[in-house]
Amino acid sequence: MQNLTLLKEHILQLEERLLKPEIRTSLEELDKLLAEDFCEYGSSGNVWNRQDYFGEGGAGVVKMTLSHFEMHTLAEDTVFTTYRIYNETKDQHTLRSSIWKNNNGQWQMVFHQGTPTA
């Protein structure tokens, strides 16, 4: 596995990319970042899969701020991330977790969960 500090920085950059409007609305970018078997348990209570993001508007535009990012290695090619999000659009705080897998040299999100905080 590559240097963990560099890998953590890279995965953080990928997580932050998924918050940007120009990425969330680009089917080409989402195709690069979301694995074929991607699944999300959203903070709304909805369950999403990869295809749900490939309609008009992609993942939609929101204004979110990421903080408290941590990364844990699960396997040589798989990492688990946790962090907090403040969604300015909804005025909502959530705990977030993601699983990223290195597929043929490209890190892709396999799983994501958002849990609202009190």
N, C-alpha and C. Protein backbone atom coordinates (compact mmCIF):
# COMPACT_ATOMS: atom_id res chain seq x y z
N MET A 1 0.85 -1.18 0.00
CA MET A 1 0.00 0.00 0.00
C MET A 1 0.89 1.23 0.00
N GLN A 2 0.46 2.25 -0.73
CA GLN A 2 1.24 3.47 -0.79
C GLN A 2 1.31 4.14 0.58
N ASN A 3 2.20 5.10 0.70
CA ASN A 3 2.37 5.84 1.94
C ASN A 3 1.00 6.26 2.48
N LEU A 4 0.72 5.91 3.74
CA LEU A 4 -0.62 6.16 4.31
C LEU A 4 -0.97 7.64 4.39
N THR A 5 0.02 8.49 4.67
CA THR A 5 -0.25 9.93 4.74
C THR A 5 -0.67 10.46 3.38
N LEU A 6 0.06 10.05 2.34
CA LEU A 6 -0.30 10.48 0.98
C LEU A 6 -1.64 9.90 0.55
N LEU A 7 -1.88 8.66 0.91
CA LEU A 7 -3.15 8.03 0.56
C LEU A 7 -4.30 8.73 1.26
N LYS A 8 -4.13 9.06 2.53
CA LYS A 8 -5.18 9.77 3.27
C LYS A 8 -5.49 11.11 2.61
N GLU A 9 -4.45 11.84 2.21
CA GLU A 9 -4.65 13.12 1.53
C GLU A 9 -5.39 12.93 0.20
N HIS A 10 -5.03 11.89 -0.53
CA HIS A 10 -5.67 11.61 -1.82
C HIS A 10 -7.15 11.26 -1.64
N ILE A 11 -7.45 10.40 -0.69
CA ILE A 11 -8.84 10.00 -0.45
C ILE A 11 -9.66 11.20 0.04
N LEU A 12 -9.07 12.04 0.90
CA LEU A 12 -9.75 13.26 1.34
C LEU A 12 -10.09 14.13 0.13
N GLN A 13 -9.15 14.28 -0.79
CA GLN A 13 -9.40 15.07 -1.99
C GLN A 13 -10.55 14.47 -2.81
N LEU A 14 -10.61 13.15 -2.89
CA LEU A 14 -11.71 12.51 -3.61
C LEU A 14 -13.05 12.76 -2.93
N GLU A 15 -13.07 12.65 -1.59
CA GLU A 15 -14.31 12.93 -0.84
C GLU A 15 -14.74 14.38 -1.08
N GLU A 16 -13.78 15.30 -1.04
CA GLU A 16 -14.10 16.72 -1.24
C GLU A 16 -14.58 16.98 -2.67
N ARG A 17 -14.02 16.25 -3.64
CA ARG A 17 -14.47 16.40 -5.03
C ARG A 17 -15.96 16.06 -5.15
N LEU A 18 -16.37 15.03 -4.43
CA LEU A 18 -17.77 14.61 -4.51
C LEU A 18 -18.74 15.63 -3.89
N LEU A 19 -18.22 16.65 -3.23
CA LEU A 19 -19.06 17.70 -2.67
C LEU A 19 -19.20 18.89 -3.62
N LYS A 20 -18.37 18.95 -4.65
CA LYS A 20 -18.36 20.10 -5.56
C LYS A 20 -19.48 19.99 -6.59
N PRO A 21 -20.22 21.10 -6.80
CA PRO A 21 -21.33 21.07 -7.76
C PRO A 21 -20.92 20.60 -9.15
N GLU A 22 -19.75 21.02 -9.63
CA GLU A 22 -19.34 20.65 -10.98
C GLU A 22 -19.02 19.16 -11.10
N ILE A 23 -18.71 18.51 -9.99
CA ILE A 23 -18.47 17.06 -9.99
C ILE A 23 -19.79 16.32 -9.81
N ARG A 24 -20.61 16.79 -8.88
CA ARG A 24 -21.89 16.14 -8.57
C ARG A 24 -22.85 16.13 -9.76
N THR A 25 -22.68 17.09 -10.67
CA THR A 25 -23.56 17.17 -11.84
C THR A 25 -22.92 16.63 -13.11
N SER A 26 -21.69 16.12 -13.01
CA SER A 26 -20.98 15.58 -14.17
C SER A 26 -21.05 14.06 -14.18
N LEU A 27 -21.78 13.51 -15.13
CA LEU A 27 -21.89 12.06 -15.21
C LEU A 27 -20.53 11.42 -15.49
N GLU A 28 -19.68 12.11 -16.23
CA GLU A 28 -18.34 11.60 -16.52
C GLU A 28 -17.51 11.50 -15.23
N GLU A 29 -17.57 12.53 -14.40
CA GLU A 29 -16.81 12.52 -13.14
C GLU A 29 -17.37 11.49 -12.16
N LEU A 30 -18.70 11.42 -12.06
CA LEU A 30 -19.31 10.43 -11.17
C LEU A 30 -18.96 9.02 -11.60
N ASP A 31 -18.87 8.80 -12.91
CA ASP A 31 -18.51 7.49 -13.44
C ASP A 31 -17.11 7.08 -12.97
N LYS A 32 -16.21 8.05 -12.87
CA LYS A 32 -14.84 7.77 -12.41
C LYS A 32 -14.80 7.48 -10.91
N LEU A 33 -15.64 8.17 -10.14
CA LEU A 33 -15.54 8.13 -8.69
C LEU A 33 -16.40 7.06 -8.02
N LEU A 34 -17.48 6.65 -8.64
CA LEU A 34 -18.39 5.67 -8.03
C LEU A 34 -18.21 4.30 -8.68
N ALA A 35 -17.96 3.29 -7.85
CA ALA A 35 -17.78 1.92 -8.34
C ALA A 35 -19.08 1.39 -8.93
N GLU A 36 -18.97 0.40 -9.78
CA GLU A 36 -20.14 -0.22 -10.42
C GLU A 36 -21.16 -0.71 -9.39
N ASP A 37 -20.68 -1.24 -8.25
CA ASP A 37 -21.57 -1.78 -7.23
C ASP A 37 -21.80 -0.80 -6.07
N PHE A 38 -21.63 0.50 -6.33
CA PHE A 38 -21.81 1.54 -5.31
C PHE A 38 -23.21 1.48 -4.69
N CYS A 39 -23.25 1.70 -3.36
CA CYS A 39 -24.51 1.75 -2.61
C CYS A 39 -24.38 2.84 -1.55
N GLU A 40 -25.46 3.58 -1.33
CA GLU A 40 -25.46 4.63 -0.30
C GLU A 40 -26.71 4.53 0.54
N TYR A 41 -26.52 4.63 1.86
CA TYR A 41 -27.62 4.83 2.80
C TYR A 41 -27.57 6.30 3.16
N GLY A 42 -28.47 7.09 2.58
CA GLY A 42 -28.43 8.53 2.73
C GLY A 42 -28.94 9.01 4.08
N SER A 43 -28.54 10.23 4.42
CA SER A 43 -28.99 10.83 5.68
C SER A 43 -30.49 11.08 5.66
N SER A 44 -31.09 11.04 4.47
CA SER A 44 -32.54 11.21 4.32
C SER A 44 -33.30 9.94 4.67
N GLY A 45 -32.55 8.82 4.79
CA GLY A 45 -33.19 7.53 5.01
C GLY A 45 -33.37 6.74 3.73
N ASN A 46 -33.07 7.36 2.60
CA ASN A 46 -33.19 6.67 1.31
C ASN A 46 -31.96 5.82 1.03
N VAL A 47 -32.16 4.78 0.25
CA VAL A 47 -31.05 3.93 -0.21
C VAL A 47 -30.87 4.22 -1.70
N TRP A 48 -29.62 4.49 -2.08
CA TRP A 48 -29.29 4.84 -3.45
C TRP A 48 -28.27 3.85 -4.00
N ASN A 49 -28.30 3.65 -5.31
CA ASN A 49 -27.22 2.91 -5.96
C ASN A 49 -26.63 3.80 -7.05
N ARG A 50 -25.62 3.29 -7.70
CA ARG A 50 -24.88 4.09 -8.69
C ARG A 50 -25.80 4.66 -9.76
N GLN A 51 -26.72 3.86 -10.27
CA GLN A 51 -27.59 4.30 -11.36
C GLN A 51 -28.49 5.47 -10.95
N ASP A 52 -28.80 5.58 -9.67
CA ASP A 52 -29.64 6.68 -9.21
C ASP A 52 -29.00 8.04 -9.45
N TYR A 53 -27.68 8.08 -9.57
CA TYR A 53 -26.96 9.33 -9.77
C TYR A 53 -26.74 9.65 -11.24
N PHE A 54 -27.18 8.78 -12.13
CA PHE A 54 -26.91 8.99 -13.54
C PHE A 54 -28.12 9.50 -14.31
N GLY A 55 -29.07 10.07 -13.58
CA GLY A 55 -30.18 10.74 -14.23
C GLY A 55 -29.83 12.21 -14.43
N GLU A 56 -30.81 12.99 -14.81
CA GLU A 56 -30.60 14.42 -15.03
C GLU A 56 -30.18 15.09 -13.72
N GLY A 57 -29.11 15.86 -13.76
CA GLY A 57 -28.64 16.58 -12.58
C GLY A 57 -27.65 15.81 -11.73
N GLY A 58 -27.39 14.56 -12.08
CA GLY A 58 -26.40 13.78 -11.33
C GLY A 58 -26.80 13.64 -9.87
N ALA A 59 -25.86 13.93 -8.98
CA ALA A 59 -26.09 13.80 -7.54
C ALA A 59 -26.73 15.05 -6.95
N GLY A 60 -26.95 16.07 -7.76
CA GLY A 60 -27.57 17.30 -7.29
C GLY A 60 -26.56 18.25 -6.67
N VAL A 61 -26.96 19.52 -6.59
CA VAL A 61 -26.08 20.57 -6.08
C VAL A 61 -26.42 20.86 -4.63
N VAL A 62 -25.42 20.80 -3.78
CA VAL A 62 -25.56 21.14 -2.36
C VAL A 62 -24.32 21.91 -1.93
N LYS A 63 -24.42 22.59 -0.81
CA LYS A 63 -23.26 23.29 -0.26
C LYS A 63 -22.93 22.62 1.06
N MET A 64 -21.80 21.88 1.09
CA MET A 64 -21.41 21.11 2.27
C MET A 64 -19.97 21.41 2.66
N THR A 65 -19.72 21.33 3.96
CA THR A 65 -18.37 21.51 4.49
C THR A 65 -17.97 20.24 5.23
N LEU A 66 -16.80 19.71 4.90
CA LEU A 66 -16.28 18.47 5.48
C LEU A 66 -15.29 18.79 6.59
N SER A 67 -15.36 18.04 7.70
CA SER A 67 -14.39 18.21 8.80
C SER A 67 -14.16 16.87 9.51
N HIS A 68 -13.17 16.83 10.38
CA HIS A 68 -12.86 15.66 11.22
C HIS A 68 -12.63 14.39 10.40
N PHE A 69 -11.89 14.52 9.31
CA PHE A 69 -11.65 13.39 8.40
C PHE A 69 -10.67 12.40 9.00
N GLU A 70 -11.03 11.12 8.96
CA GLU A 70 -10.15 10.02 9.39
C GLU A 70 -10.21 8.91 8.34
N MET A 71 -9.13 8.14 8.24
CA MET A 71 -9.09 7.03 7.30
C MET A 71 -8.49 5.81 7.99
N HIS A 72 -9.08 4.66 7.73
CA HIS A 72 -8.62 3.39 8.31
C HIS A 72 -8.46 2.38 7.17
N THR A 73 -7.36 1.66 7.20
CA THR A 73 -7.09 0.65 6.18
C THR A 73 -7.84 -0.64 6.51
N LEU A 74 -8.59 -1.15 5.55
CA LEU A 74 -9.30 -2.42 5.72
C LEU A 74 -8.56 -3.56 5.03
N ALA A 75 -7.92 -3.26 3.91
CA ALA A 75 -7.15 -4.24 3.13
C ALA A 75 -6.17 -3.46 2.28
N GLU A 76 -5.32 -4.18 1.58
CA GLU A 76 -4.31 -3.55 0.72
C GLU A 76 -4.93 -2.55 -0.26
N ASP A 77 -6.14 -2.86 -0.74
CA ASP A 77 -6.77 -2.03 -1.76
C ASP A 77 -8.08 -1.39 -1.30
N THR A 78 -8.31 -1.35 0.02
CA THR A 78 -9.60 -0.87 0.53
C THR A 78 -9.39 -0.04 1.79
N VAL A 79 -10.06 1.14 1.83
CA VAL A 79 -9.99 1.99 3.02
C VAL A 79 -11.40 2.41 3.44
N PHE A 80 -11.52 2.73 4.72
CA PHE A 80 -12.77 3.17 5.34
C PHE A 80 -12.54 4.58 5.85
N THR A 81 -13.41 5.51 5.47
CA THR A 81 -13.26 6.89 5.93
C THR A 81 -14.45 7.29 6.80
N THR A 82 -14.18 8.16 7.75
CA THR A 82 -15.23 8.76 8.57
C THR A 82 -14.98 10.26 8.64
N TYR A 83 -16.05 11.01 8.72
CA TYR A 83 -15.92 12.47 8.81
C TYR A 83 -17.28 13.07 9.16
N ARG A 84 -17.28 14.37 9.34
CA ARG A 84 -18.51 15.10 9.61
C ARG A 84 -18.79 16.04 8.44
N ILE A 85 -20.06 16.26 8.19
CA ILE A 85 -20.49 17.18 7.14
C ILE A 85 -21.48 18.18 7.74
N TYR A 86 -21.29 19.44 7.37
CA TYR A 86 -22.33 20.43 7.63
C TYR A 86 -22.93 20.78 6.27
N ASN A 87 -24.21 20.48 6.11
CA ASN A 87 -24.93 20.76 4.88
C ASN A 87 -25.61 22.12 5.04
N GLU A 88 -25.02 23.13 4.41
CA GLU A 88 -25.57 24.48 4.51
C GLU A 88 -26.92 24.59 3.82
N THR A 89 -27.14 23.79 2.80
CA THR A 89 -28.40 23.81 2.07
C THR A 89 -29.57 23.42 2.98
N LYS A 90 -29.35 22.41 3.83
CA LYS A 90 -30.40 21.90 4.72
C LYS A 90 -30.22 22.34 6.17
N ASP A 91 -29.12 23.07 6.47
CA ASP A 91 -28.76 23.41 7.85
C ASP A 91 -28.76 22.15 8.71
N GLN A 92 -28.00 21.15 8.25
CA GLN A 92 -27.99 19.84 8.89
C GLN A 92 -26.55 19.35 9.09
N HIS A 93 -26.29 18.77 10.26
CA HIS A 93 -25.00 18.14 10.56
C HIS A 93 -25.18 16.63 10.45
N THR A 94 -24.20 15.95 9.82
CA THR A 94 -24.26 14.49 9.69
C THR A 94 -22.89 13.88 9.93
N LEU A 95 -22.93 12.63 10.39
CA LEU A 95 -21.73 11.79 10.43
C LEU A 95 -21.70 11.03 9.12
N ARG A 96 -20.53 10.91 8.53
CA ARG A 96 -20.41 10.24 7.23
C ARG A 96 -19.37 9.14 7.30
N SER A 97 -19.59 8.09 6.53
CA SER A 97 -18.59 7.03 6.37
C SER A 97 -18.63 6.53 4.93
N SER A 98 -17.46 6.17 4.44
CA SER A 98 -17.34 5.68 3.06
C SER A 98 -16.34 4.54 3.02
N ILE A 99 -16.54 3.66 2.07
CA ILE A 99 -15.55 2.64 1.76
C ILE A 99 -15.07 2.90 0.34
N TRP A 100 -13.75 3.00 0.20
CA TRP A 100 -13.11 3.23 -1.10
C TRP A 100 -12.29 2.00 -1.45
N LYS A 101 -12.34 1.60 -2.71
CA LYS A 101 -11.57 0.45 -3.19
C LYS A 101 -10.75 0.87 -4.41
N ASN A 102 -9.52 0.39 -4.46
CA ASN A 102 -8.67 0.66 -5.61
C ASN A 102 -8.99 -0.38 -6.69
N ASN A 103 -9.66 0.08 -7.74
CA ASN A 103 -10.05 -0.77 -8.87
C ASN A 103 -9.15 -0.45 -10.05
N ASN A 104 -8.22 -1.36 -10.35
CA ASN A 104 -7.32 -1.18 -11.50
C ASN A 104 -6.58 0.15 -11.46
N GLY A 105 -6.07 0.51 -10.27
CA GLY A 105 -5.27 1.72 -10.12
C GLY A 105 -6.07 2.98 -9.89
N GLN A 106 -7.39 2.88 -9.80
CA GLN A 106 -8.25 4.05 -9.59
C GLN A 106 -9.11 3.84 -8.35
N TRP A 107 -9.02 4.78 -7.41
CA TRP A 107 -9.83 4.69 -6.19
C TRP A 107 -11.26 5.08 -6.51
N GLN A 108 -12.20 4.20 -6.11
CA GLN A 108 -13.62 4.44 -6.33
C GLN A 108 -14.39 4.17 -5.04
N MET A 109 -15.43 4.96 -4.83
CA MET A 109 -16.29 4.77 -3.67
C MET A 109 -17.21 3.59 -3.93
N VAL A 110 -17.23 2.66 -2.97
CA VAL A 110 -18.07 1.47 -3.06
C VAL A 110 -19.31 1.62 -2.19
N PHE A 111 -19.15 2.29 -1.04
CA PHE A 111 -20.24 2.42 -0.08
C PHE A 111 -20.15 3.78 0.60
N HIS A 112 -21.32 4.35 0.91
CA HIS A 112 -21.36 5.62 1.65
C HIS A 112 -22.59 5.62 2.55
N GLN A 113 -22.44 6.20 3.74
CA GLN A 113 -23.57 6.34 4.64
C GLN A 113 -23.53 7.70 5.31
N GLY A 114 -24.69 8.33 5.40
CA GLY A 114 -24.85 9.59 6.11
C GLY A 114 -25.85 9.40 7.24
N THR A 115 -25.46 9.82 8.45
CA THR A 115 -26.33 9.68 9.61
C THR A 115 -26.51 11.05 10.27
N PRO A 116 -27.75 11.57 10.33
CA PRO A 116 -27.97 12.87 10.96
C PRO A 116 -27.58 12.84 12.44
N THR A 117 -27.04 13.95 12.92
CA THR A 117 -26.73 14.07 14.34
C THR A 117 -27.82 14.91 15.01
N ALA A 118 -27.94 14.74 16.30
CA ALA A 118 -28.97 15.47 17.05
C ALA A 118 -28.65 16.94 17.16
